Protein backbone atom coordinates (compact mmCIF):
# COMPACT_ATOMS: atom_id res chain seq x y z
CA MET A 1 -10.27 0.46 15.78
CA ASP A 2 -7.24 -1.74 16.30
CA VAL A 3 -3.75 -0.76 17.43
CA LEU A 4 -2.22 -0.65 13.93
CA GLN A 5 -4.92 1.69 12.66
CA ARG A 6 -4.49 3.99 15.65
CA MET A 7 -0.72 4.00 15.13
CA GLY A 8 -1.10 5.06 11.52
CA PRO A 9 1.83 5.72 9.28
CA PRO A 10 4.75 7.62 10.74
CA VAL A 11 6.20 10.68 9.11
CA VAL A 12 8.64 9.24 6.59
CA ALA A 13 11.81 10.94 5.43
CA PRO A 14 12.44 10.77 1.67
CA GLY A 15 14.40 7.68 0.72
CA ALA A 16 13.88 6.09 4.13
CA PRO A 17 14.53 2.35 4.27
CA GLY A 18 12.35 -0.15 6.13
CA GLY A 19 11.33 1.12 9.52
CA ALA A 20 11.19 -0.06 13.09
CA ARG A 21 9.04 -2.85 14.57
CA GLY A 22 9.13 -4.82 11.34
CA ALA A 23 7.16 -2.24 9.39
CA LEU A 24 7.95 -1.67 5.72
CA VAL A 25 8.42 2.02 4.99
CA ARG A 26 9.17 3.56 1.60
CA CYS A 27 9.17 7.17 0.40
CA VAL A 28 10.08 7.52 -3.27
CA PRO A 29 9.44 9.72 -6.31
CA ALA A 30 6.04 9.06 -7.91
CA THR A 31 7.35 7.31 -11.03
CA ARG A 32 6.43 4.02 -12.69
CA ALA A 33 9.90 2.60 -12.03
CA ASP A 34 9.74 3.48 -8.34
CA ALA A 35 6.18 2.09 -8.06
CA SER A 36 7.44 -1.21 -9.49
CA ALA A 37 10.40 -1.27 -7.10
CA VAL A 38 8.13 -0.60 -4.09
CA ARG A 39 5.75 -3.33 -5.30
CA ARG A 40 8.65 -5.82 -5.35
CA ASP A 41 9.83 -4.72 -1.89
CA PHE A 42 6.30 -5.10 -0.54
CA ARG A 43 5.87 -8.55 -2.08
CA ASP A 44 9.20 -9.77 -0.68
CA TRP A 45 8.39 -8.37 2.78
CA LEU A 46 4.88 -9.86 2.87
CA ALA A 47 5.94 -13.27 1.51
CA GLU A 48 7.68 -13.98 4.83
CA LEU A 49 4.54 -13.13 6.81
CA ALA A 50 1.50 -14.34 4.89
CA ASP A 51 0.06 -17.11 2.76
CA PRO A 52 0.69 -17.00 -1.03
CA GLU A 53 -2.90 -16.05 -1.96
CA SER A 54 -2.87 -13.05 0.38
CA VAL A 55 0.55 -12.04 -0.93
CA ASP A 56 -0.73 -12.06 -4.53
CA ASP A 57 -3.97 -10.23 -3.72
CA LEU A 58 -2.36 -7.58 -1.57
CA THR A 59 0.55 -6.99 -3.92
CA LEU A 60 -1.96 -6.26 -6.68
CA ALA A 61 -4.01 -3.94 -4.43
CA VAL A 62 -0.90 -2.06 -3.29
CA TYR A 63 0.34 -1.68 -6.86
CA GLU A 64 -3.05 -0.26 -7.91
CA ALA A 65 -2.76 2.35 -5.14
CA LEU A 66 0.81 3.21 -6.20
CA ALA A 67 -0.18 3.37 -9.88
CA ASN A 68 -2.98 5.80 -9.00
CA VAL A 69 -0.42 8.10 -7.40
CA VAL A 70 1.81 7.91 -10.47
CA ASP A 71 -1.04 8.43 -12.94
CA HIS A 72 -3.20 10.96 -11.13
CA ALA A 73 -1.82 12.66 -8.01
CA TYR A 74 0.61 15.03 -9.65
CA ALA A 75 -0.93 15.31 -13.13
CA SER A 76 -1.48 19.05 -12.76
CA ALA A 77 1.76 19.73 -10.86
CA VAL A 78 4.71 21.43 -12.54
CA ALA A 79 7.18 19.15 -10.76
CA GLY A 80 6.52 15.55 -9.78
CA GLY A 81 5.94 14.55 -6.21
CA GLU A 82 6.55 11.60 -3.98
CA MET A 83 4.58 8.62 -2.78
CA ARG A 84 4.80 6.91 0.57
CA LEU A 85 4.06 3.36 1.61
CA TRP A 86 3.82 2.15 5.19
CA ALA A 87 2.90 -1.47 5.97
CA ALA A 88 2.78 -3.36 9.25
CA VAL A 89 1.32 -6.55 10.66
CA SER A 90 0.12 -7.41 14.11
CA PRO A 91 1.74 -10.15 16.18
CA PRO A 92 0.38 -13.60 15.30
CA LEU A 93 -3.27 -14.02 16.26
CA ALA A 94 -5.46 -17.14 16.33
CA GLY A 95 -6.65 -16.56 12.75
CA GLY A 96 -3.50 -15.04 11.29
CA ARG A 97 -2.25 -11.46 11.44
CA ASP A 98 -3.90 -8.10 10.84
CA LEU A 99 -2.17 -6.24 8.01
CA VAL A 100 -2.47 -2.50 7.47
CA VAL A 101 -0.97 -0.79 4.41
CA THR A 102 -1.11 2.94 3.78
CA VAL A 103 -0.20 4.55 0.46
CA SER A 104 -0.19 8.35 0.48
CA ASP A 105 0.78 11.36 -1.60
CA ASP A 106 0.69 15.15 -1.46
CA GLY A 107 -1.07 15.55 -4.81
CA SER A 108 -4.66 16.28 -5.71
CA TRP A 109 -7.58 13.93 -6.27
CA ARG A 110 -8.79 13.64 -9.82
CA ARG A 111 -12.17 12.12 -10.57
CA ALA A 112 -12.47 9.72 -13.50
CA GLN A 113 -13.07 11.63 -16.71
CA ARG A 114 -15.05 8.97 -18.54
CA SER A 115 -15.78 5.32 -18.38
CA GLY A 116 -13.82 2.85 -20.44
CA TRP A 117 -10.96 0.51 -19.76
CA ARG A 118 -9.67 2.70 -16.91
CA GLY A 119 -11.19 3.33 -13.52
CA ARG A 120 -11.12 -0.17 -12.10
CA GLY A 121 -8.34 0.33 -9.54
CA LEU A 122 -10.47 1.44 -6.58
CA PRO A 123 -13.11 -1.30 -7.03
CA LEU A 124 -10.28 -3.84 -7.30
CA MET A 125 -8.70 -2.57 -4.07
CA HIS A 126 -12.11 -2.84 -2.34
CA THR A 127 -12.45 -6.42 -3.55
CA LEU A 128 -8.99 -7.52 -2.38
CA ALA A 129 -8.93 -5.75 1.01
CA HIS A 130 -10.90 -3.48 3.28
CA ALA A 131 -9.98 -0.24 1.52
CA SER A 132 -10.62 3.34 2.53
CA VAL A 133 -9.67 6.50 0.67
CA ILE A 134 -9.28 9.93 2.23
CA SER A 135 -8.59 12.83 -0.08
CA GLY A 136 -8.21 16.52 0.63
CA ALA A 137 -6.16 19.62 0.02
CA THR A 138 -3.02 17.98 1.42
CA GLY A 139 -3.15 14.81 -0.66
CA THR A 140 -4.72 11.37 -0.78
CA THR A 141 -4.32 8.42 1.55
CA VAL A 142 -5.41 4.88 0.72
CA GLN A 143 -5.52 2.42 3.59
CA LEU A 144 -5.79 -1.32 2.93
CA ARG A 145 -6.55 -3.75 5.76
CA ARG A 146 -6.82 -7.52 5.71
CA ARG A 147 -6.46 -10.52 7.99
CA VAL A 148 -3.74 -12.71 6.49
CA ALA A 149 -3.02 -16.36 7.23
CA PRO A 150 0.52 -17.24 8.28
CA ALA A 151 3.07 -18.10 5.64
CA PRO A 152 3.42 -21.86 5.20
CA ALA A 153 6.18 -23.20 7.44
CA LEU A 154 9.22 -24.51 5.69
CA VAL A 155 9.30 -28.27 6.11
CA PRO A 156 12.78 -29.81 6.44
CA ALA A 157 13.55 -32.26 3.64
């Protein structure tokens, strides 16, 4: 278990901006518009730290996790809930950086009702990153981990 995994996500106050030590921290209502905004924030944050392929792959994986919160976590709740994202990278290592992203909610897990065009989010997350899902009475947490190559250096013209 590496340092970032042991650190885990901090407790995040609603509406909190990016956090300390370069981590990206967001706590927003579980809506499609907010999921899209967090996806953009994540992409912009990661683009400065990682290669373009990793940025694309991880942005898709993170958005799938956020979309699952929006679509499923609070489906049986009277009032909507919130979703949290915490992302951090290790200092530069020989092969890149270790990235850990956690997406969590306080809703309830809902198993897929039937097969069809839905239900591909979790397999996609597992393909794009080392993904783990923990679900219980207090909500669901998805953790995505991946070694990312450094962003290409800007070459002076």
